[in-house]
Amino acid sequence: MSEITTPHDSFCKEIMGRPEVAADFMANYLPPDVVARLDLSALELVKDSFVDAELRRHLSDLLFRAPFRDGGEAFIYILFEHKSRPDDWVAFQLLRYEMMIWEPIARRREGKLPPIFPIVLYHGKERWTAPRNFVELIARAPDGEAPNLLRHQPRLECYLCNLSDYGEHEIRGLPFTRAGLLLLKYIYVDDLGAQLPRIFGLLVVISQEKALEFINLALRYLSKASHRPSVEDVRMAIQEVFPQDADKVIAPFALTWMEEGEQKGRQEGRQEGRQEGRQEGRQEGRQEEAVAFALRLLRKRFGEVGEETGAQIESLSLEALEELGEALLGFASLDDLTAWLRARAGNGSAP
């Protein structure tokens, strides 16, 4: 089966796939009597996925093993529903996946099966209305009765963690966990950019290495969001954590945010009425935005950029500007920029 991933799938697995983050999440969101029985300090990620390839566009999963404090072990299965609306058949999928988890254990016929605690993590815009118990998917008798019929059906019930229903103050956990859950909670909202300063601000109390690690994951996620925030919104949010280095942190990702240039390209293309016009306009818009960002970053780091140097940068292609965006992070002075431009010209690289 071919691997199908989405930005939501990737981000959720990067965050929740860390046993220390998953343990923090479980300690704060699982029922207290379940948490009291488990030794979450020994939580172990099981490297298996049970989601069918055709469903990976809106479902992803993580399976953990945790020992009981008094012996034995349990599985905690997290199914992440990353569509904007719930799937009515999630309970059916969970039953299938639980059987797949148990199957290799059952083949050994050694003792009883370990319990599985199924969690559905949901962050969609629409209210959760899907059945949480598998038996709700079973048709009733015509008269609505027949209790002896229903009692013989599987009764798997999932534990729902609906981030959309939680107020911001109800999102609990350590800073890394809270920031990840809040980003998932707000990823579909129109004012996503306005939420970022509070989310990134949670990271000021953790190590710089961990904060930078989270921001890099978040930037990859945000660059593919349907309500993608502006470069300026992201830069201001990063300033909460890295007051002096916000531009440096965002530079490798900045070009993916060139929405204004893309919109300008679409508008110019519509006016021309040709596919060529759309592509050319989009390219020009992105290039103008990339030039403006590169010059602003250079001026912030080194002061005024000379007119001749500025003209050289304006003549660069979009591809070259992307290379410059990465290269300038290593520049110590404008002399390094001059040398880079000279070397590029000397190699015969197209502008």
Foldseek 3Di string as FASTA:
>chain_A
DDADADLVQVLCCVQCVPLVLVLQVCCQAPPPVVNLFWDSVPKAWDPDWDDDRVCNVFKTKTKIWTATPVGDIAIEIEIEGEDQADDQCVQVSVVVSVCVVCVVVVVVVDDDTHYYAYEYEYQHPDDHDHAQWPLVVDDADPVNDDPVVSVPDDTHGHHYDYLLPDDLVSQDGQLSNSLSSVCSNCLQPLVSLVCLLVSLLSCQPDDPVVSLVSLVSVLVSLLRGPNRDAPVSQLVSCCSRVVLCSLVSCLLRHLSRLVVQLVQLCVQCVVVVDPVSSVVSSQVSSLVVLLVSLLVVQCSQENHDDPVLSVLSSQDGPVVSSVCSVVCSPDPYVVVVVVVSVVCVVVVHHD
